[in-house]
């Protein structure tokens, strides 16, 4: 998860949105796999969905999910055809992803935090994918999306704002950006990769 902000800006991820959509089921731990909601960045909504998911599969009633319960979730909600070995592998991967304190349990706080981070980054990806790189205002639109994400979720929103986040916003505002058509993310597959769309200090901020 520490590398997720940079990964979600990469050329490969940008051109594999379908794969990202499929992973969103797992990243959000959505209990109705295959029908994950659009990336929601409302913390109250995320908290409610997380509570619902944990309650549905928390067999030992400790308000957390362990490996056995995670495997049961996937067995009952979309990957039941997988072998026990495959289910165990998926479960361990997801425990590693969501269990930030590595205590063998995924708490409401941990699942809410990881879901929120993924949804913010997924939302940014979808917004950028919606830009027509040939449009005259496309570069400024991309700048506006990134600036909004930073100001809202990158640490600039608390009090006077985190100094590193504020520097990143200032850097982004002052930067001369290449036309989107020349950037790797918007390039057609097979073309030479160019400079990343937002290769600036923001990458130091884990959303």
C-alpha atoms as a PDB file:
ATOM      1  CA  UNK A   1       0.000   0.000   0.000  1.00  0.00           C
ATOM      2  CA  UNK A   2       2.948   2.356   0.557  1.00  0.00           C
ATOM      3  CA  UNK A   3       3.636   2.226  -3.195  1.00  0.00           C
ATOM      4  CA  UNK A   4      -0.014   2.514  -4.262  1.00  0.00           C
ATOM      5  CA  UNK A   5      -0.071   6.310  -4.876  1.00  0.00           C
ATOM      6  CA  UNK A   6       2.820   6.077  -7.345  1.00  0.00           C
ATOM      7  CA  UNK A   7       1.581   2.799  -8.847  1.00  0.00           C
ATOM      8  CA  UNK A   8      -1.831   4.290  -9.636  1.00  0.00           C
ATOM      9  CA  UNK A   9      -0.093   7.025 -11.659  1.00  0.00           C
ATOM     10  CA  UNK A  10       1.853   4.574 -13.775  1.00  0.00           C
ATOM     11  CA  UNK A  11       1.439   4.068 -17.502  1.00  0.00           C
ATOM     12  CA  UNK A  12       0.609   0.377 -17.098  1.00  0.00           C
ATOM     13  CA  UNK A  13      -2.178   0.935 -14.577  1.00  0.00           C
ATOM     14  CA  UNK A  14      -3.599   3.797 -16.637  1.00  0.00           C
ATOM     15  CA  UNK A  15      -4.059   1.436 -19.583  1.00  0.00           C
ATOM     16  CA  UNK A  16      -5.400  -1.445 -17.480  1.00  0.00           C
ATOM     17  CA  UNK A  17      -8.478   0.146 -15.914  1.00  0.00           C
ATOM     18  CA  UNK A  18     -10.430  -3.103 -16.275  1.00  0.00           C
ATOM     19  CA  UNK A  19      -7.856  -4.863 -14.132  1.00  0.00           C
ATOM     20  CA  UNK A  20      -8.093  -2.053 -11.582  1.00  0.00           C
ATOM     21  CA  UNK A  21     -11.876  -2.377 -11.557  1.00  0.00           C
ATOM     22  CA  UNK A  22     -11.556  -6.093 -10.846  1.00  0.00           C
ATOM     23  CA  UNK A  23      -9.041  -5.480  -8.077  1.00  0.00           C
ATOM     24  CA  UNK A  24     -11.354  -2.900  -6.518  1.00  0.00           C
ATOM     25  CA  UNK A  25     -13.577  -5.725  -5.250  1.00  0.00           C
ATOM     26  CA  UNK A  26     -10.651  -7.035  -3.245  1.00  0.00           C
ATOM     27  CA  UNK A  27      -9.192  -3.669  -2.249  1.00  0.00           C
ATOM     28  CA  UNK A  28     -12.571  -2.531  -0.934  1.00  0.00           C
ATOM     29  CA  UNK A  29     -13.379  -5.958   0.557  1.00  0.00           C
ATOM     30  CA  UNK A  30     -16.820  -5.488  -0.911  1.00  0.00           C
ATOM     31  CA  UNK A  31     -18.912  -8.397   0.354  1.00  0.00           C
ATOM     32  CA  UNK A  32     -20.908  -8.616  -2.894  1.00  0.00           C
ATOM     33  CA  UNK A  33     -17.928  -9.406  -5.104  1.00  0.00           C
ATOM     34  CA  UNK A  34     -18.468  -8.639  -8.772  1.00  0.00           C
ATOM     35  CA  UNK A  35     -20.706  -5.666  -8.010  1.00  0.00           C
ATOM     36  CA  UNK A  36     -18.379  -3.288  -6.195  1.00  0.00           C
ATOM     37  CA  UNK A  37     -19.708   0.264  -5.964  1.00  0.00           C
ATOM     38  CA  UNK A  38     -18.029   3.167  -7.688  1.00  0.00           C
ATOM     39  CA  UNK A  39     -15.104   4.542  -5.670  1.00  0.00           C
ATOM     40  CA  UNK A  40     -16.758   6.391  -2.793  1.00  0.00           C
ATOM     41  CA  UNK A  41     -14.644   8.859  -0.811  1.00  0.00           C
ATOM     42  CA  UNK A  42     -17.307   9.618   1.790  1.00  0.00           C
ATOM     43  CA  UNK A  43     -15.837   8.380   5.075  1.00  0.00           C
ATOM     44  CA  UNK A  44     -19.239   7.827   6.684  1.00  0.00           C
ATOM     45  CA  UNK A  45     -20.391   5.699   3.756  1.00  0.00           C
ATOM     46  CA  UNK A  46     -17.153   3.713   3.759  1.00  0.00           C
ATOM     47  CA  UNK A  47     -17.400   3.147   7.508  1.00  0.00           C
ATOM     48  CA  UNK A  48     -20.960   1.851   7.170  1.00  0.00           C
ATOM     49  CA  UNK A  49     -20.032  -0.533   4.353  1.00  0.00           C
ATOM     50  CA  UNK A  50     -17.006  -1.798   6.278  1.00  0.00           C
ATOM     51  CA  UNK A  51     -19.133  -2.423   9.371  1.00  0.00           C
ATOM     52  CA  UNK A  52     -21.662  -4.322   7.253  1.00  0.00           C
ATOM     53  CA  UNK A  53     -18.968  -6.490   5.676  1.00  0.00           C
ATOM     54  CA  UNK A  54     -17.253  -7.313   8.968  1.00  0.00           C
ATOM     55  CA  UNK A  55     -20.550  -8.114  10.666  1.00  0.00           C
ATOM     56  CA  UNK A  56     -21.520 -10.497   7.856  1.00  0.00           C
ATOM     57  CA  UNK A  57     -18.366 -12.653   8.137  1.00  0.00           C
ATOM     58  CA  UNK A  58     -17.166 -12.141  11.709  1.00  0.00           C
ATOM     59  CA  UNK A  59     -17.891 -15.685  12.865  1.00  0.00           C
ATOM     60  CA  UNK A  60     -16.109 -15.349  16.213  1.00  0.00           C
ATOM     61  CA  UNK A  61     -17.802 -12.003  16.964  1.00  0.00           C
ATOM     62  CA  UNK A  62     -14.619 -10.086  17.827  1.00  0.00           C
ATOM     63  CA  UNK A  63     -15.483  -7.168  15.471  1.00  0.00           C
ATOM     64  CA  UNK A  64     -12.504  -8.021  13.238  1.00  0.00           C
ATOM     65  CA  UNK A  65     -11.705 -10.386  10.376  1.00  0.00           C
ATOM     66  CA  UNK A  66      -9.042 -13.095  10.536  1.00  0.00           C
ATOM     67  CA  UNK A  67      -7.632 -15.244   7.729  1.00  0.00           C
ATOM     68  CA  UNK A  68     -10.272 -17.956   8.101  1.00  0.00           C
ATOM     69  CA  UNK A  69     -13.073 -15.381   7.916  1.00  0.00           C
ATOM     70  CA  UNK A  70     -11.495 -13.635   4.939  1.00  0.00           C
ATOM     71  CA  UNK A  71     -11.320 -16.937   3.055  1.00  0.00           C
ATOM     72  CA  UNK A  72     -14.953 -17.623   3.985  1.00  0.00           C
ATOM     73  CA  UNK A  73     -15.898 -14.225   2.566  1.00  0.00           C
ATOM     74  CA  UNK A  74     -14.403 -14.992  -0.819  1.00  0.00           C
ATOM     75  CA  UNK A  75     -15.701 -18.542  -0.854  1.00  0.00           C
ATOM     76  CA  UNK A  76     -19.269 -17.317  -0.316  1.00  0.00           C
ATOM     77  CA  UNK A  77     -19.216 -14.190  -2.463  1.00  0.00           C
ATOM     78  CA  UNK A  78     -17.705 -14.892  -5.828  1.00  0.00           C
ATOM     79  CA  UNK A  79     -14.690 -17.163  -5.859  1.00  0.00           C
ATOM     80  CA  UNK A  80     -16.231 -20.346  -4.511  1.00  0.00           C
ATOM     81  CA  UNK A  81     -14.916 -22.296  -7.497  1.00  0.00           C
ATOM     82  CA  UNK A  82     -11.345 -21.692  -6.367  1.00  0.00           C
ATOM     83  CA  UNK A  83      -9.467 -24.483  -4.657  1.00  0.00           C
ATOM     84  CA  UNK A  84      -8.741 -24.277  -0.937  1.00  0.00           C
ATOM     85  CA  UNK A  85      -5.115 -23.524  -1.771  1.00  0.00           C
ATOM     86  CA  UNK A  86      -6.088 -20.654  -4.071  1.00  0.00           C
ATOM     87  CA  UNK A  87      -8.534 -19.254  -1.526  1.00  0.00           C
ATOM     88  CA  UNK A  88      -5.829 -19.389   1.135  1.00  0.00           C
ATOM     89  CA  UNK A  89      -3.406 -17.568  -1.176  1.00  0.00           C
ATOM     90  CA  UNK A  90      -5.958 -14.829  -1.914  1.00  0.00           C
ATOM     91  CA  UNK A  91      -6.788 -14.561   1.771  1.00  0.00           C
ATOM     92  CA  UNK A  92      -3.138 -14.188   2.788  1.00  0.00           C
ATOM     93  CA  UNK A  93      -2.569 -11.535   0.108  1.00  0.00           C
ATOM     94  CA  UNK A  94      -5.536  -9.539   1.362  1.00  0.00           C
ATOM     95  CA  UNK A  95      -4.499  -9.928   4.996  1.00  0.00           C
ATOM     96  CA  UNK A  96      -1.088  -8.533   4.064  1.00  0.00           C
ATOM     97  CA  UNK A  97      -2.739  -5.639   2.222  1.00  0.00           C
ATOM     98  CA  UNK A  98      -5.276  -4.606   4.872  1.00  0.00           C
ATOM     99  CA  UNK A  99      -3.724  -5.760   8.184  1.00  0.00           C
ATOM    100  CA  UNK A 100      -1.415  -2.780   8.648  1.00  0.00           C
ATOM    101  CA  UNK A 101      -0.263  -3.655  12.176  1.00  0.00           C
ATOM    102  CA  UNK A 102       0.251  -7.318  11.222  1.00  0.00           C
ATOM    103  CA  UNK A 103      -1.568  -8.671  14.266  1.00  0.00           C
ATOM    104  CA  UNK A 104      -3.442 -11.282  12.235  1.00  0.00           C
ATOM    105  CA  UNK A 105      -6.731  -9.374  12.290  1.00  0.00           C
ATOM    106  CA  UNK A 106      -8.303  -6.710  10.069  1.00  0.00           C
ATOM    107  CA  UNK A 107     -10.048  -4.125  12.200  1.00  0.00           C
ATOM    108  CA  UNK A 108     -12.783  -1.704  11.209  1.00  0.00           C
ATOM    109  CA  UNK A 109     -10.236   1.123  11.308  1.00  0.00           C
ATOM    110  CA  UNK A 110      -7.736  -0.724   9.102  1.00  0.00           C
ATOM    111  CA  UNK A 111     -10.310  -1.726   6.508  1.00  0.00           C
ATOM    112  CA  UNK A 112     -11.831   1.757   6.438  1.00  0.00           C
ATOM    113  CA  UNK A 113      -8.396   3.327   5.982  1.00  0.00           C
ATOM    114  CA  UNK A 114      -7.281   0.991   3.192  1.00  0.00           C
ATOM    115  CA  UNK A 115     -10.640   1.289   1.407  1.00  0.00           C
ATOM    116  CA  UNK A 116     -10.532   5.074   1.614  1.00  0.00           C
ATOM    117  CA  UNK A 117      -6.984   5.235   0.236  1.00  0.00           C
ATOM    118  CA  UNK A 118      -7.796   2.965  -2.694  1.00  0.00           C
ATOM    119  CA  UNK A 119     -11.030   4.801  -3.491  1.00  0.00           C
ATOM    120  CA  UNK A 120      -9.337   8.209  -3.559  1.00  0.00           C
ATOM    121  CA  UNK A 121      -6.670   6.918  -5.942  1.00  0.00           C
ATOM    122  CA  UNK A 122      -9.180   4.986  -8.063  1.00  0.00           C
ATOM    123  CA  UNK A 123     -11.391   8.076  -8.309  1.00  0.00           C
ATOM    124  CA  UNK A 124      -8.424  10.155  -9.458  1.00  0.00           C
ATOM    125  CA  UNK A 125      -7.554   7.521 -12.065  1.00  0.00           C
ATOM    126  CA  UNK A 126     -11.091   7.500 -13.475  1.00  0.00           C
ATOM    127  CA  UNK A 127     -11.215  11.304 -13.599  1.00  0.00           C
ATOM    128  CA  UNK A 128      -7.959  11.423 -15.529  1.00  0.00           C
ATOM    129  CA  UNK A 129      -9.110   8.647 -17.862  1.00  0.00           C
ATOM    130  CA  UNK A 130     -12.109  10.827 -18.724  1.00  0.00           C
ATOM    131  CA  UNK A 131      -9.933  13.606 -20.148  1.00  0.00           C
ATOM    132  CA  UNK A 132      -9.707  13.981 -23.918  1.00  0.00           C
ATOM    133  CA  UNK A 133      -5.949  14.588 -24.376  1.00  0.00           C
ATOM    134  CA  UNK A 134      -6.587  16.366 -27.691  1.00  0.00           C
ATOM    135  CA  UNK A 135      -8.800  18.998 -26.060  1.00  0.00           C
ATOM    136  CA  UNK A 136      -7.313  22.465 -25.789  1.00  0.00           C
ATOM    137  CA  UNK A 137      -7.818  22.670 -22.033  1.00  0.00           C
ATOM    138  CA  UNK A 138      -6.842  19.064 -21.263  1.00  0.00           C
ATOM    139  CA  UNK A 139      -3.524  19.879 -19.554  1.00  0.00           C
ATOM    140  CA  UNK A 140      -5.118  22.397 -17.209  1.00  0.00           C
ATOM    141  CA  UNK A 141      -7.945  19.986 -16.473  1.00  0.00           C
ATOM    142  CA  UNK A 142      -5.427  17.322 -15.441  1.00  0.00           C
ATOM    143  CA  UNK A 143      -3.648  19.900 -13.272  1.00  0.00           C
ATOM    144  CA  UNK A 144      -6.967  20.870 -11.692  1.00  0.00           C
ATOM    145  CA  UNK A 145      -7.855  17.246 -10.865  1.00  0.00           C
ATOM    146  CA  UNK A 146      -4.496  16.612  -9.222  1.00  0.00           C
ATOM    147  CA  UNK A 147      -4.596  19.892  -7.310  1.00  0.00           C
ATOM    148  CA  UNK A 148      -8.076  19.117  -6.024  1.00  0.00           C
ATOM    149  CA  UNK A 149      -7.026  15.644  -4.861  1.00  0.00           C
ATOM    150  CA  UNK A 150      -4.011  17.083  -3.038  1.00  0.00           C
ATOM    151  CA  UNK A 151      -5.956  19.872  -1.375  1.00  0.00           C
ATOM    152  CA  UNK A 152      -8.777  17.577  -0.308  1.00  0.00           C
ATOM    153  CA  UNK A 153      -6.955  14.381   0.655  1.00  0.00           C
ATOM    154  CA  UNK A 154      -3.205  15.050   0.666  1.00  0.00           C
ATOM    155  CA  UNK A 155      -2.835  16.824   3.997  1.00  0.00           C
ATOM    156  CA  UNK A 156      -3.478  20.387   2.835  1.00  0.00           C
ATOM    157  CA  UNK A 157      -6.979  20.310   4.268  1.00  0.00           C
ATOM    158  CA  UNK A 158      -6.099  20.295   7.967  1.00  0.00           C
ATOM    159  CA  UNK A 159      -5.673  23.706   9.583  1.00  0.00           C
ATOM    160  CA  UNK A 160      -2.910  25.582   7.812  1.00  0.00           C
ATOM    161  CA  UNK A 161      -2.074  22.405   5.944  1.00  0.00           C
ATOM    162  CA  UNK A 162       0.876  20.060   5.931  1.00  0.00           C
ATOM    163  CA  UNK A 163       3.983  21.889   4.729  1.00  0.00           C
ATOM    164  CA  UNK A 164       4.977  19.112   2.341  1.00  0.00           C
ATOM    165  CA  UNK A 165       1.520  19.017   0.802  1.00  0.00           C
ATOM    166  CA  UNK A 166       1.436  22.785   0.380  1.00  0.00           C
ATOM    167  CA  UNK A 167       4.835  22.662  -1.347  1.00  0.00           C
ATOM    168  CA  UNK A 168       3.538  19.952  -3.667  1.00  0.00           C
ATOM    169  CA  UNK A 169       0.491  22.051  -4.598  1.00  0.00           C
ATOM    170  CA  UNK A 170       2.695  25.100  -5.238  1.00  0.00           C
ATOM    171  CA  UNK A 171       5.068  22.986  -7.360  1.00  0.00           C
ATOM    172  CA  UNK A 172       2.142  21.648  -9.362  1.00  0.00           C
ATOM    173  CA  UNK A 173       0.689  25.119  -9.908  1.00  0.00           C
ATOM    174  CA  UNK A 174       4.032  26.527 -11.078  1.00  0.00           C
ATOM    175  CA  UNK A 175       5.060  23.585 -13.238  1.00  0.00           C
ATOM    176  CA  UNK A 176       5.029  23.836 -17.015  1.00  0.00           C
ATOM    177  CA  UNK A 177       3.326  20.635 -18.131  1.00  0.00           C
ATOM    178  CA  UNK A 178       3.760  18.932 -21.458  1.00  0.00           C
ATOM    179  CA  UNK A 179       0.690  18.463 -23.678  1.00  0.00           C
ATOM    180  CA  UNK A 180      -1.134  15.366 -22.470  1.00  0.00           C
ATOM    181  CA  UNK A 181      -0.707  13.637 -25.821  1.00  0.00           C
ATOM    182  CA  UNK A 182       3.042  13.561 -25.164  1.00  0.00           C
ATOM    183  CA  UNK A 183       2.719  12.014 -21.713  1.00  0.00           C
ATOM    184  CA  UNK A 184       3.075   8.299 -21.079  1.00  0.00           C
ATOM    185  CA  UNK A 185      -0.299   7.885 -19.396  1.00  0.00           C
ATOM    186  CA  UNK A 186      -2.231   9.219 -22.379  1.00  0.00           C
ATOM    187  CA  UNK A 187       0.012   7.692 -25.041  1.00  0.00           C
ATOM    188  CA  UNK A 188      -1.250   4.807 -27.142  1.00  0.00           C
ATOM    189  CA  UNK A 189       0.133   1.384 -26.306  1.00  0.00           C
ATOM    190  CA  UNK A 190       3.482   0.813 -27.999  1.00  0.00           C
ATOM    191  CA  UNK A 191       4.484   4.468 -28.153  1.00  0.00           C
ATOM    192  CA  UNK A 192       7.552   5.726 -26.365  1.00  0.00           C
ATOM    193  CA  UNK A 193       6.819   6.670 -22.802  1.00  0.00           C
ATOM    194  CA  UNK A 194       7.233  10.285 -21.803  1.00  0.00           C
ATOM    195  CA  UNK A 195       7.275  12.082 -18.509  1.00  0.00           C
ATOM    196  CA  UNK A 196       4.655  11.134 -15.928  1.00  0.00           C
ATOM    197  CA  UNK A 197       1.741  13.542 -15.688  1.00  0.00           C
ATOM    198  CA  UNK A 198       2.380  14.493 -12.093  1.00  0.00           C
ATOM    199  CA  UNK A 199       6.005  13.641 -11.337  1.00  0.00           C
ATOM    200  CA  UNK A 200       6.337  15.951  -8.329  1.00  0.00           C
ATOM    201  CA  UNK A 201       6.556  15.922  -4.566  1.00  0.00           C
ATOM    202  CA  UNK A 202       2.986  14.710  -4.192  1.00  0.00           C
ATOM    203  CA  UNK A 203       4.328  11.175  -4.603  1.00  0.00           C
ATOM    204  CA  UNK A 204       5.720  11.459  -1.092  1.00  0.00           C
ATOM    205  CA  UNK A 205       2.221  11.764   0.335  1.00  0.00           C
ATOM    206  CA  UNK A 206       0.424   8.511   1.041  1.00  0.00           C
ATOM    207  CA  UNK A 207      -3.265   9.170   0.566  1.00  0.00           C
END
